[in-house]
Full PDB file with SEQRES, HELIX, SHEET, SSBOND, CRYST1, ORIGX, SCALE, CONECT and MASTER records, all heavy atoms in Angstrom:
SEQRES   1 A   41  GLY GLU TYR LEU SER ARG GLU TYR LYS LEU GLY TYR ALA          
SEQRES   2 A   41  ALA ALA GLY PHE ALA ARG THR THR PRO GLU CYS ALA GLY          
SEQRES   3 A   41  ALA LEU SER GLY ARG ASP VAL LEU ALA ALA GLY GLU ILE          
SEQRES   4 A   41  ALA TYR                                                      
HELIX    1 AA1 GLU A    2  THR A   20  1                                  19    
HELIX    2 AA2 PRO A   22  SER A   29  1                                   8    
HELIX    3 AA3 ALA A   36  ALA A   40  1                                   5    
CRYST1    1.000    1.000    1.000  90.00  90.00  90.00 P 1           1          
ORIGX1      1.000000  0.000000  0.000000        0.00000                         
ORIGX2      0.000000  1.000000  0.000000        0.00000                         
ORIGX3      0.000000  0.000000  1.000000        0.00000                         
SCALE1      1.000000  0.000000  0.000000        0.00000                         
SCALE2      0.000000  1.000000  0.000000        0.00000                         
SCALE3      0.000000  0.000000  1.000000        0.00000                         
ATOM      1  N   GLY A   1       3.879   5.472 -19.813  1.00  0.00           N  
ATOM      2  CA  GLY A   1       4.566   6.178 -18.732  1.00  0.00           C  
ATOM      3  C   GLY A   1       3.608   6.681 -17.676  1.00  0.00           C  
ATOM      4  O   GLY A   1       3.887   6.606 -16.476  1.00  0.00           O  
ATOM      5  N   GLU A   2       2.463   7.199 -18.101  1.00  0.00           N  
ATOM      6  CA  GLU A   2       1.466   7.680 -17.147  1.00  0.00           C  
ATOM      7  C   GLU A   2       0.864   6.534 -16.351  1.00  0.00           C  
ATOM      8  O   GLU A   2       0.562   6.682 -15.157  1.00  0.00           O  
ATOM      9  CB  GLU A   2       0.375   8.452 -17.891  1.00  0.00           C  
ATOM     10  CG  GLU A   2       0.847   9.785 -18.425  1.00  0.00           C  
ATOM     11  CD  GLU A   2      -0.140  10.414 -19.380  1.00  0.00           C  
ATOM     12  OE1 GLU A   2      -0.942   9.667 -19.988  1.00  0.00           O  
ATOM     13  OE2 GLU A   2      -0.117  11.652 -19.526  1.00  0.00           O  
ATOM     14  N   TYR A   3       0.684   5.407 -17.000  1.00  0.00           N  
ATOM     15  CA  TYR A   3       0.176   4.231 -16.280  1.00  0.00           C  
ATOM     16  C   TYR A   3       1.144   3.798 -15.190  1.00  0.00           C  
ATOM     17  O   TYR A   3       0.743   3.541 -14.040  1.00  0.00           O  
ATOM     18  CB  TYR A   3      -0.072   3.083 -17.259  1.00  0.00           C  
ATOM     19  CG  TYR A   3      -0.516   1.810 -16.592  1.00  0.00           C  
ATOM     20  CD1 TYR A   3      -1.837   1.647 -16.188  1.00  0.00           C  
ATOM     21  CD2 TYR A   3       0.388   0.781 -16.329  1.00  0.00           C  
ATOM     22  CE1 TYR A   3      -2.250   0.480 -15.557  1.00  0.00           C  
ATOM     23  CE2 TYR A   3      -0.022  -0.388 -15.696  1.00  0.00           C  
ATOM     24  CZ  TYR A   3      -1.352  -0.529 -15.322  1.00  0.00           C  
ATOM     25  OH  TYR A   3      -1.752  -1.676 -14.690  1.00  0.00           O  
ATOM     26  N   LEU A   4       2.429   3.730 -15.518  1.00  0.00           N  
ATOM     27  CA  LEU A   4       3.434   3.336 -14.522  1.00  0.00           C  
ATOM     28  C   LEU A   4       3.517   4.365 -13.402  1.00  0.00           C  
ATOM     29  O   LEU A   4       3.692   4.006 -12.231  1.00  0.00           O  
ATOM     30  CB  LEU A   4       4.789   3.153 -15.193  1.00  0.00           C  
ATOM     31  CG  LEU A   4       4.895   1.969 -16.164  1.00  0.00           C  
ATOM     32  CD1 LEU A   4       6.255   1.984 -16.862  1.00  0.00           C  
ATOM     33  CD2 LEU A   4       4.675   0.649 -15.448  1.00  0.00           C  
ATOM     34  N   SER A   5       3.382   5.643 -13.751  1.00  0.00           N  
ATOM     35  CA  SER A   5       3.388   6.689 -12.723  1.00  0.00           C  
ATOM     36  C   SER A   5       2.204   6.517 -11.785  1.00  0.00           C  
ATOM     37  O   SER A   5       2.342   6.665 -10.558  1.00  0.00           O  
ATOM     38  CB  SER A   5       3.333   8.063 -13.385  1.00  0.00           C  
ATOM     39  OG  SER A   5       3.237   9.089 -12.422  1.00  0.00           O  
ATOM     40  N   ARG A   6       1.042   6.187 -12.334  1.00  0.00           N  
ATOM     41  CA  ARG A   6      -0.143   5.949 -11.493  1.00  0.00           C  
ATOM     42  C   ARG A   6       0.103   4.799 -10.524  1.00  0.00           C  
ATOM     43  O   ARG A   6      -0.213   4.902  -9.330  1.00  0.00           O  
ATOM     44  CB  ARG A   6      -1.355   5.633 -12.387  1.00  0.00           C  
ATOM     45  CG  ARG A   6      -2.607   5.224 -11.626  1.00  0.00           C  
ATOM     46  CD  ARG A   6      -3.710   4.818 -12.581  1.00  0.00           C  
ATOM     47  NE  ARG A   6      -4.934   4.472 -11.863  1.00  0.00           N  
ATOM     48  CZ  ARG A   6      -5.225   3.267 -11.380  1.00  0.00           C  
ATOM     49  NH1 ARG A   6      -4.375   2.257 -11.557  1.00  0.00           N  
ATOM     50  NH2 ARG A   6      -6.349   3.052 -10.732  1.00  0.00           N  
ATOM     51  N   GLU A   7       0.657   3.690 -11.036  1.00  0.00           N  
ATOM     52  CA  GLU A   7       0.904   2.540 -10.172  1.00  0.00           C  
ATOM     53  C   GLU A   7       1.924   2.883  -9.076  1.00  0.00           C  
ATOM     54  O   GLU A   7       1.784   2.457  -7.929  1.00  0.00           O  
ATOM     55  CB  GLU A   7       1.402   1.367 -11.015  1.00  0.00           C  
ATOM     56  CG  GLU A   7       0.375   0.841 -12.020  1.00  0.00           C  
ATOM     57  CD  GLU A   7      -0.920   0.411 -11.350  1.00  0.00           C  
ATOM     58  OE1 GLU A   7      -0.862  -0.514 -10.528  1.00  0.00           O  
ATOM     59  OE2 GLU A   7      -1.968   1.018 -11.635  1.00  0.00           O  
ATOM     60  N   TYR A   8       2.937   3.656  -9.432  1.00  0.00           N  
ATOM     61  CA  TYR A   8       3.936   4.065  -8.446  1.00  0.00           C  
ATOM     62  C   TYR A   8       3.292   4.923  -7.353  1.00  0.00           C  
ATOM     63  O   TYR A   8       3.545   4.720  -6.162  1.00  0.00           O  
ATOM     64  CB  TYR A   8       5.059   4.854  -9.121  1.00  0.00           C  
ATOM     65  CG  TYR A   8       6.062   5.421  -8.139  1.00  0.00           C  
ATOM     66  CD1 TYR A   8       7.121   4.644  -7.677  1.00  0.00           C  
ATOM     67  CD2 TYR A   8       5.926   6.715  -7.641  1.00  0.00           C  
ATOM     68  CE1 TYR A   8       8.019   5.158  -6.757  1.00  0.00           C  
ATOM     69  CE2 TYR A   8       6.815   7.232  -6.727  1.00  0.00           C  
ATOM     70  CZ  TYR A   8       7.867   6.445  -6.288  1.00  0.00           C  
ATOM     71  OH  TYR A   8       8.746   6.951  -5.369  1.00  0.00           O  
ATOM     72  N   LYS A   9       2.450   5.872  -7.759  1.00  0.00           N  
ATOM     73  CA  LYS A   9       1.805   6.757  -6.782  1.00  0.00           C  
ATOM     74  C   LYS A   9       0.899   5.972  -5.837  1.00  0.00           C  
ATOM     75  O   LYS A   9       0.859   6.255  -4.623  1.00  0.00           O  
ATOM     76  CB  LYS A   9       1.008   7.836  -7.502  1.00  0.00           C  
ATOM     77  CG  LYS A   9       1.861   8.872  -8.209  1.00  0.00           C  
ATOM     78  CD  LYS A   9       0.993   9.843  -8.992  1.00  0.00           C  
ATOM     79  CE  LYS A   9       1.834  10.872  -9.713  1.00  0.00           C  
ATOM     80  NZ  LYS A   9       0.985  11.772 -10.552  1.00  0.00           N  
ATOM     81  N   LEU A  10       0.175   4.995  -6.376  1.00  0.00           N  
ATOM     82  CA  LEU A  10      -0.678   4.173  -5.513  1.00  0.00           C  
ATOM     83  C   LEU A  10       0.156   3.368  -4.526  1.00  0.00           C  
ATOM     84  O   LEU A  10      -0.203   3.237  -3.351  1.00  0.00           O  
ATOM     85  CB  LEU A  10      -1.531   3.237  -6.368  1.00  0.00           C  
ATOM     86  CG  LEU A  10      -2.685   3.885  -7.128  1.00  0.00           C  
ATOM     87  CD1 LEU A  10      -3.326   2.896  -8.089  1.00  0.00           C  
ATOM     88  CD2 LEU A  10      -3.733   4.440  -6.164  1.00  0.00           C  
ATOM     89  N   GLY A  11       1.279   2.830  -5.001  1.00  0.00           N  
ATOM     90  CA  GLY A  11       2.163   2.093  -4.103  1.00  0.00           C  
ATOM     91  C   GLY A  11       2.785   2.988  -3.048  1.00  0.00           C  
ATOM     92  O   GLY A  11       2.870   2.628  -1.877  1.00  0.00           O  
ATOM     93  N   TYR A  12       3.199   4.185  -3.472  1.00  0.00           N  
ATOM     94  CA  TYR A  12       3.808   5.144  -2.535  1.00  0.00           C  
ATOM     95  C   TYR A  12       2.807   5.556  -1.459  1.00  0.00           C  
ATOM     96  O   TYR A  12       3.157   5.691  -0.283  1.00  0.00           O  
ATOM     97  CB  TYR A  12       4.273   6.376  -3.317  1.00  0.00           C  
ATOM     98  CG  TYR A  12       4.915   7.433  -2.458  1.00  0.00           C  
ATOM     99  CD1 TYR A  12       6.272   7.370  -2.132  1.00  0.00           C  
ATOM    100  CD2 TYR A  12       4.179   8.514  -1.972  1.00  0.00           C  
ATOM    101  CE1 TYR A  12       6.870   8.349  -1.346  1.00  0.00           C  
ATOM    102  CE2 TYR A  12       4.763   9.484  -1.182  1.00  0.00           C  
ATOM    103  CZ  TYR A  12       6.108   9.404  -0.879  1.00  0.00           C  
ATOM    104  OH  TYR A  12       6.692  10.368  -0.094  1.00  0.00           O  
ATOM    105  N   ALA A  13       1.540   5.744  -1.860  1.00  0.00           N  
ATOM    106  CA  ALA A  13       0.510   6.190  -0.919  1.00  0.00           C  
ATOM    107  C   ALA A  13       0.010   5.084  -0.017  1.00  0.00           C  
ATOM    108  O   ALA A  13      -0.645   5.350   0.999  1.00  0.00           O  
ATOM    109  CB  ALA A  13      -0.665   6.791  -1.689  1.00  0.00           C  
ATOM    110  N   ALA A  14       0.316   3.824  -0.346  1.00  0.00           N  
ATOM    111  CA  ALA A  14      -0.269   2.690   0.374  1.00  0.00           C  
ATOM    112  C   ALA A  14       0.125   2.670   1.851  1.00  0.00           C  
ATOM    113  O   ALA A  14      -0.688   2.294   2.709  1.00  0.00           O  
ATOM    114  CB  ALA A  14       0.142   1.382  -0.293  1.00  0.00           C  
ATOM    115  N   ALA A  15       1.359   3.074   2.155  1.00  0.00           N  
ATOM    116  CA  ALA A  15       1.805   3.033   3.552  1.00  0.00           C  
ATOM    117  C   ALA A  15       1.012   4.016   4.416  1.00  0.00           C  
ATOM    118  O   ALA A  15       0.532   3.663   5.505  1.00  0.00           O  
ATOM    119  CB  ALA A  15       3.296   3.320   3.634  1.00  0.00           C  
ATOM    120  N   GLY A  16       0.857   5.251   3.942  1.00  0.00           N  
ATOM    121  CA  GLY A  16       0.076   6.232   4.695  1.00  0.00           C  
ATOM    122  C   GLY A  16      -1.376   5.836   4.812  1.00  0.00           C  
ATOM    123  O   GLY A  16      -2.019   6.060   5.851  1.00  0.00           O  
ATOM    124  N   PHE A  17      -1.903   5.227   3.774  1.00  0.00           N  
ATOM    125  CA  PHE A  17      -3.276   4.710   3.790  1.00  0.00           C  
ATOM    126  C   PHE A  17      -3.414   3.643   4.868  1.00  0.00           C  
ATOM    127  O   PHE A  17      -4.356   3.660   5.677  1.00  0.00           O  
ATOM    128  CB  PHE A  17      -3.585   4.155   2.401  1.00  0.00           C  
ATOM    129  CG  PHE A  17      -4.841   3.328   2.294  1.00  0.00           C  
ATOM    130  CD1 PHE A  17      -6.050   3.801   2.760  1.00  0.00           C  
ATOM    131  CD2 PHE A  17      -4.802   2.082   1.688  1.00  0.00           C  
ATOM    132  CE1 PHE A  17      -7.215   3.039   2.636  1.00  0.00           C  
ATOM    133  CE2 PHE A  17      -5.952   1.319   1.553  1.00  0.00           C  
ATOM    134  CZ  PHE A  17      -7.152   1.795   2.044  1.00  0.00           C  
ATOM    135  N   ALA A  18      -2.460   2.723   4.934  1.00  0.00           N  
ATOM    136  CA  ALA A  18      -2.524   1.628   5.908  1.00  0.00           C  
ATOM    137  C   ALA A  18      -2.355   2.141   7.329  1.00  0.00           C  
ATOM    138  O   ALA A  18      -2.982   1.623   8.257  1.00  0.00           O  
ATOM    139  CB  ALA A  18      -1.471   0.587   5.584  1.00  0.00           C  
ATOM    140  N   ARG A  19      -1.500   3.122   7.523  1.00  0.00           N  
ATOM    141  CA  ARG A  19      -1.301   3.668   8.880  1.00  0.00           C  
ATOM    142  C   ARG A  19      -2.540   4.422   9.345  1.00  0.00           C  
ATOM    143  O   ARG A  19      -2.875   4.402  10.532  1.00  0.00           O  
ATOM    144  CB  ARG A  19      -0.086   4.594   8.904  1.00  0.00           C  
ATOM    145  CG  ARG A  19       1.244   3.889   8.730  1.00  0.00           C  
ATOM    146  CD  ARG A  19       2.411   4.822   9.010  1.00  0.00           C  
ATOM    147  NE  ARG A  19       3.692   4.143   8.782  1.00  0.00           N  
ATOM    148  CZ  ARG A  19       4.406   4.250   7.672  1.00  0.00           C  
ATOM    149  NH1 ARG A  19       3.966   5.036   6.680  1.00  0.00           N  
ATOM    150  NH2 ARG A  19       5.552   3.608   7.529  1.00  0.00           N  
ATOM    151  N   THR A  20      -3.216   5.110   8.429  1.00  0.00           N  
ATOM    152  CA  THR A  20      -4.367   5.925   8.800  1.00  0.00           C  
ATOM    153  C   THR A  20      -5.617   5.083   9.008  1.00  0.00           C  
ATOM    154  O   THR A  20      -6.373   5.303   9.968  1.00  0.00           O  
ATOM    155  CB  THR A  20      -4.627   6.990   7.706  1.00  0.00           C  
ATOM    156  OG1 THR A  20      -3.434   7.740   7.478  1.00  0.00           O  
ATOM    157  CG2 THR A  20      -5.740   7.940   8.132  1.00  0.00           C  
ATOM    158  N   THR A  21      -5.857   4.130   8.107  1.00  0.00           N  
ATOM    159  CA  THR A  21      -7.059   3.298   8.188  1.00  0.00           C  
ATOM    160  C   THR A  21      -6.668   1.828   7.982  1.00  0.00           C  
ATOM    161  O   THR A  21      -6.919   1.257   6.912  1.00  0.00           O  
ATOM    162  CB  THR A  21      -8.091   3.729   7.134  1.00  0.00           C  
ATOM    163  OG1 THR A  21      -7.486   3.666   5.825  1.00  0.00           O  
ATOM    164  CG2 THR A  21      -8.594   5.124   7.384  1.00  0.00           C  
ATOM    165  N   PRO A  22      -6.038   1.202   8.978  1.00  0.00           N  
ATOM    166  CA  PRO A  22      -5.512  -0.151   8.805  1.00  0.00           C  
ATOM    167  C   PRO A  22      -6.588  -1.191   8.465  1.00  0.00           C  
ATOM    168  O   PRO A  22      -6.322  -2.127   7.706  1.00  0.00           O  
ATOM    169  CB  PRO A  22      -4.841  -0.455  10.141  1.00  0.00           C  
ATOM    170  CG  PRO A  22      -5.424   0.521  11.120  1.00  0.00           C  
ATOM    171  CD  PRO A  22      -5.738   1.738  10.322  1.00  0.00           C  
ATOM    172  N   GLU A  23      -7.780  -1.055   9.033  1.00  0.00           N  
ATOM    173  CA  GLU A  23      -8.823  -2.047   8.772  1.00  0.00           C  
ATOM    174  C   GLU A  23      -9.222  -2.033   7.296  1.00  0.00           C  
ATOM    175  O   GLU A  23      -9.328  -3.096   6.653  1.00  0.00           O  
ATOM    176  CB  GLU A  23     -10.043  -1.798   9.653  1.00  0.00           C  
ATOM    177  CG  GLU A  23     -11.109  -2.874   9.501  1.00  0.00           C  
ATOM    178  CD  GLU A  23     -12.322  -2.606  10.366  1.00  0.00           C  
ATOM    179  OE1 GLU A  23     -12.396  -1.551  11.007  1.00  0.00           O  
ATOM    180  OE2 GLU A  23     -13.225  -3.473  10.385  1.00  0.00           O  
ATOM    181  N   CYS A  24      -9.446  -0.855   6.750  1.00  0.00           N  
ATOM    182  CA  CYS A  24      -9.825  -0.745   5.347  1.00  0.00           C  
ATOM    183  C   CYS A  24      -8.678  -1.194   4.443  1.00  0.00           C  
ATOM    184  O   CYS A  24      -8.901  -1.908   3.452  1.00  0.00           O  
ATOM    185  CB  CYS A  24     -10.218   0.687   5.008  1.00  0.00           C  
ATOM    186  SG  CYS A  24     -10.679   0.936   3.274  1.00  0.00           S  
ATOM    187  N   ALA A  25      -7.461  -0.803   4.777  1.00  0.00           N  
ATOM    188  CA  ALA A  25      -6.306  -1.191   3.965  1.00  0.00           C  
ATOM    189  C   ALA A  25      -6.163  -2.701   3.919  1.00  0.00           C  
ATOM    190  O   ALA A  25      -5.863  -3.280   2.867  1.00  0.00           O  
ATOM    191  CB  ALA A  25      -5.044  -0.539   4.507  1.00  0.00           C  
ATOM    192  N   GLY A  26      -6.366  -3.357   5.060  1.00  0.00           N  
ATOM    193  CA  GLY A  26      -6.281  -4.802   5.104  1.00  0.00           C  
ATOM    194  C   GLY A  26      -7.363  -5.464   4.282  1.00  0.00           C  
ATOM    195  O   GLY A  26      -7.115  -6.444   3.569  1.00  0.00           O  
ATOM    196  N   ALA A  27      -8.591  -4.914   4.347  1.00  0.00           N  
ATOM    197  CA  ALA A  27      -9.691  -5.481   3.580  1.00  0.00           C  
ATOM    198  C   ALA A  27      -9.489  -5.269   2.090  1.00  0.00           C  
ATOM    199  O   ALA A  27      -9.867  -6.115   1.271  1.00  0.00           O  
ATOM    200  CB  ALA A  27     -11.001  -4.830   4.019  1.00  0.00           C  
ATOM    201  N   LEU A  28      -8.870  -4.151   1.724  1.00  0.00           N  
ATOM    202  CA  LEU A  28      -8.663  -3.846   0.304  1.00  0.00           C  
ATOM    203  C   LEU A  28      -7.581  -4.716  -0.312  1.00  0.00           C  
ATOM    204  O   LEU A  28      -7.748  -5.255  -1.413  1.00  0.00           O  
ATOM    205  CB  LEU A  28      -8.298  -2.373   0.143  1.00  0.00           C  
ATOM    206  CG  LEU A  28      -8.141  -1.860  -1.287  1.00  0.00           C  
ATOM    207  CD1 LEU A  28      -9.484  -1.864  -2.005  1.00  0.00           C  
ATOM    208  CD2 LEU A  28      -7.547  -0.453  -1.296  1.00  0.00           C  
ATOM    209  N   SER A  29      -6.467  -4.879   0.389  1.00  0.00           N  
ATOM    210  CA  SER A  29      -5.314  -5.581  -0.190  1.00  0.00           C  
ATOM    211  C   SER A  29      -5.231  -7.049   0.228  1.00  0.00           C  
ATOM    212  O   SER A  29      -4.508  -7.834  -0.396  1.00  0.00           O  
ATOM    213  CB  SER A  29      -4.016  -4.875   0.217  1.00  0.00           C  
ATOM    214  OG  SER A  29      -3.826  -4.940   1.623  1.00  0.00           O  
ATOM    215  N   GLY A  30      -5.908  -7.409   1.328  1.00  0.00           N  
ATOM    216  CA  GLY A  30      -5.846  -8.789   1.801  1.00  0.00           C  
ATOM    217  C   GLY A  30      -4.553  -9.133   2.517  1.00  0.00           C  
ATOM    218  O   GLY A  30      -4.259 -10.309   2.739  1.00  0.00           O  
ATOM    219  N   ARG A  31      -3.790  -8.115   2.894  1.00  0.00           N  
ATOM    220  CA  ARG A  31      -2.543  -8.360   3.615  1.00  0.00           C  
ATOM    221  C   ARG A  31      -2.140  -7.093   4.370  1.00  0.00           C  
ATOM    222  O   ARG A  31      -2.697  -6.027   4.148  1.00  0.00           O  
ATOM    223  CB  ARG A  31      -1.429  -8.778   2.660  1.00  0.00           C  
ATOM    224  CG  ARG A  31      -1.058  -7.743   1.614  1.00  0.00           C  
ATOM    225  CD  ARG A  31      -0.070  -8.331   0.616  1.00  0.00           C  
ATOM    226  NE  ARG A  31       0.525  -7.332  -0.239  1.00  0.00           N  
ATOM    227  CZ  ARG A  31       0.000  -6.904  -1.392  1.00  0.00           C  
ATOM    228  NH1 ARG A  31      -1.169  -7.389  -1.790  1.00  0.00           N  
ATOM    229  NH2 ARG A  31       0.611  -6.009  -2.116  1.00  0.00           N  
ATOM    230  N   ASP A  32      -1.150  -7.230   5.237  1.00  0.00           N  
ATOM    231  CA  ASP A  32      -0.637  -6.094   5.998  1.00  0.00           C  
ATOM    232  C   ASP A  32       0.538  -5.486   5.234  1.00  0.00           C  
ATOM    233  O   ASP A  32       1.648  -6.002   5.269  1.00  0.00           O  
ATOM    234  CB  ASP A  32      -0.189  -6.551   7.389  1.00  0.00           C  
ATOM    235  CG  ASP A  32       0.384  -5.422   8.231  1.00  0.00           C  
ATOM    236  OD1 ASP A  32       0.304  -4.250   7.784  1.00  0.00           O  
ATOM    237  OD2 ASP A  32       0.901  -5.707   9.331  1.00  0.00           O  
ATOM    238  N   VAL A  33       0.281  -4.363   4.547  1.00  0.00           N  
ATOM    239  CA  VAL A  33       1.344  -3.780   3.733  1.00  0.00           C  
ATOM    240  C   VAL A  33       2.457  -3.149   4.565  1.00  0.00           C  
ATOM    241  O   VAL A  33       3.498  -2.793   4.035  1.00  0.00           O  
ATOM    242  CB  VAL A  33       0.766  -2.730   2.759  1.00  0.00           C  
ATOM    243  CG1 VAL A  33      -0.250  -3.360   1.833  1.00  0.00           C  
ATOM    244  CG2 VAL A  33       0.161  -1.553   3.501  1.00  0.00           C  
ATOM    245  N   LEU A  34       2.249  -3.018   5.903  1.00  0.00           N  
ATOM    246  CA  LEU A  34       3.278  -2.477   6.771  1.00  0.00           C  
ATOM    247  C   LEU A  34       4.128  -3.543   7.438  1.00  0.00           C  
ATOM    248  O   LEU A  34       5.049  -3.220   8.194  1.00  0.00           O  
ATOM    249  CB  LEU A  34       2.623  -1.584   7.843  1.00  0.00           C  
ATOM    250  CG  LEU A  34       1.853  -0.362   7.319  1.00  0.00           C  
ATOM    251  CD1 LEU A  34       1.232   0.389   8.480  1.00  0.00           C  
ATOM    252  CD2 LEU A  34       2.768   0.563   6.528  1.00  0.00           C  
ATOM    253  N   ALA A  35       3.808  -4.806   7.165  1.00  0.00           N  
ATOM    254  CA  ALA A  35       4.622  -5.882   7.742  1.00  0.00           C  
ATOM    255  C   ALA A  35       6.048  -5.833   7.198  1.00  0.00           C  
ATOM    256  O   ALA A  35       6.289  -5.364   6.091  1.00  0.00           O  
ATOM    257  CB  ALA A  35       3.991  -7.245   7.420  1.00  0.00           C  
ATOM    258  N   ALA A  36       6.977  -6.300   8.002  1.00  0.00           N  
ATOM    259  CA  ALA A  36       8.385  -6.228   7.618  1.00  0.00           C  
ATOM    260  C   ALA A  36       8.650  -6.886   6.271  1.00  0.00           C  
ATOM    261  O   ALA A  36       9.404  -6.373   5.430  1.00  0.00           O  
ATOM    262  CB  ALA A  36       9.251  -6.873   8.700  1.00  0.00           C  
ATOM    263  N   GLY A  37       8.024  -8.033   6.035  1.00  0.00           N  
ATOM    264  CA  GLY A  37       8.236  -8.726   4.775  1.00  0.00           C  
ATOM    265  C   GLY A  37       7.718  -7.942   3.584  1.00  0.00           C  
ATOM    266  O   GLY A  37       8.345  -7.908   2.523  1.00  0.00           O  
ATOM    267  N   GLU A  38       6.569  -7.282   3.766  1.00  0.00           N  
ATOM    268  CA  GLU A  38       6.012  -6.468   2.690  1.00  0.00           C  
ATOM    269  C   GLU A  38       6.900  -5.269   2.388  1.00  0.00           C  
ATOM    270  O   GLU A  38       7.129  -4.922   1.224  1.00  0.00           O  
ATOM    271  CB  GLU A  38       4.617  -6.007   3.069  1.00  0.00           C  
ATOM    272  CG  GLU A  38       3.565  -7.096   3.097  1.00  0.00           C  
ATOM    273  CD  GLU A  38       3.159  -7.538   1.701  1.00  0.00           C  
ATOM    274  OE1 GLU A  38       3.345  -6.765   0.738  1.00  0.00           O  
ATOM    275  OE2 GLU A  38       2.676  -8.677   1.557  1.00  0.00           O  
ATOM    276  N   ILE A  39       7.380  -4.632   3.447  1.00  0.00           N  
ATOM    277  CA  ILE A  39       8.248  -3.454   3.258  1.00  0.00           C  
ATOM    278  C   ILE A  39       9.542  -3.856   2.566  1.00  0.00           C  
ATOM    279  O   ILE A  39      10.025  -3.166   1.650  1.00  0.00           O  
ATOM    280  CB  ILE A  39       8.521  -2.771   4.602  1.00  0.00           C  
ATOM    281  CG1 ILE A  39       7.218  -2.169   5.139  1.00  0.00           C  
ATOM    282  CG2 ILE A  39       9.601  -1.703   4.449  1.00  0.00           C  
ATOM    283  CD1 ILE A  39       7.327  -1.615   6.535  1.00  0.00           C  
ATOM    284  N   ALA A  40      10.089  -4.983   2.964  1.00  0.00           N  
ATOM    285  CA  ALA A  40      11.318  -5.449   2.317  1.00  0.00           C  
ATOM    286  C   ALA A  40      11.075  -5.750   0.846  1.00  0.00           C  
ATOM    287  O   ALA A  40      11.901  -5.458  -0.019  1.00  0.00           O  
ATOM    288  CB  ALA A  40      11.847  -6.697   3.049  1.00  0.00           C  
ATOM    289  N   TYR A  41       9.929  -6.346   0.559  1.00  0.00           N  
ATOM    290  CA  TYR A  41       9.578  -6.658  -0.823  1.00  0.00           C  
ATOM    291  C   TYR A  41       9.445  -5.381  -1.646  1.00  0.00           C  
ATOM    292  O   TYR A  41       9.929  -5.282  -2.764  1.00  0.00           O  
ATOM    293  CB  TYR A  41       8.278  -7.461  -0.868  1.00  0.00           C  
ATOM    294  CG  TYR A  41       7.712  -7.658  -2.250  1.00  0.00           C  
ATOM    295  CD1 TYR A  41       8.261  -8.596  -3.125  1.00  0.00           C  
ATOM    296  CD2 TYR A  41       6.629  -6.904  -2.682  1.00  0.00           C  
ATOM    297  CE1 TYR A  41       7.730  -8.773  -4.379  1.00  0.00           C  
ATOM    298  CE2 TYR A  41       6.086  -7.077  -3.948  1.00  0.00           C  
ATOM    299  CZ  TYR A  41       6.661  -8.005  -4.793  1.00  0.00           C  
ATOM    300  OH  TYR A  41       6.142  -8.169  -6.065  1.00  0.00           O  
TER     301      TYR A  41                                                      
MASTER        0    0    0    3    0    0    0    6  300    1    0    4          
END                                                                             
């Protein structure tokens, strides 16, 4: 349960991370997590 909570928190925080530092977020994940397709997914 704690592992799943950790993964959820990282996913929840990813949008704010990408908005604040888009270059680093892109280099870390290899994609644009704010793109419409990613958000829909």
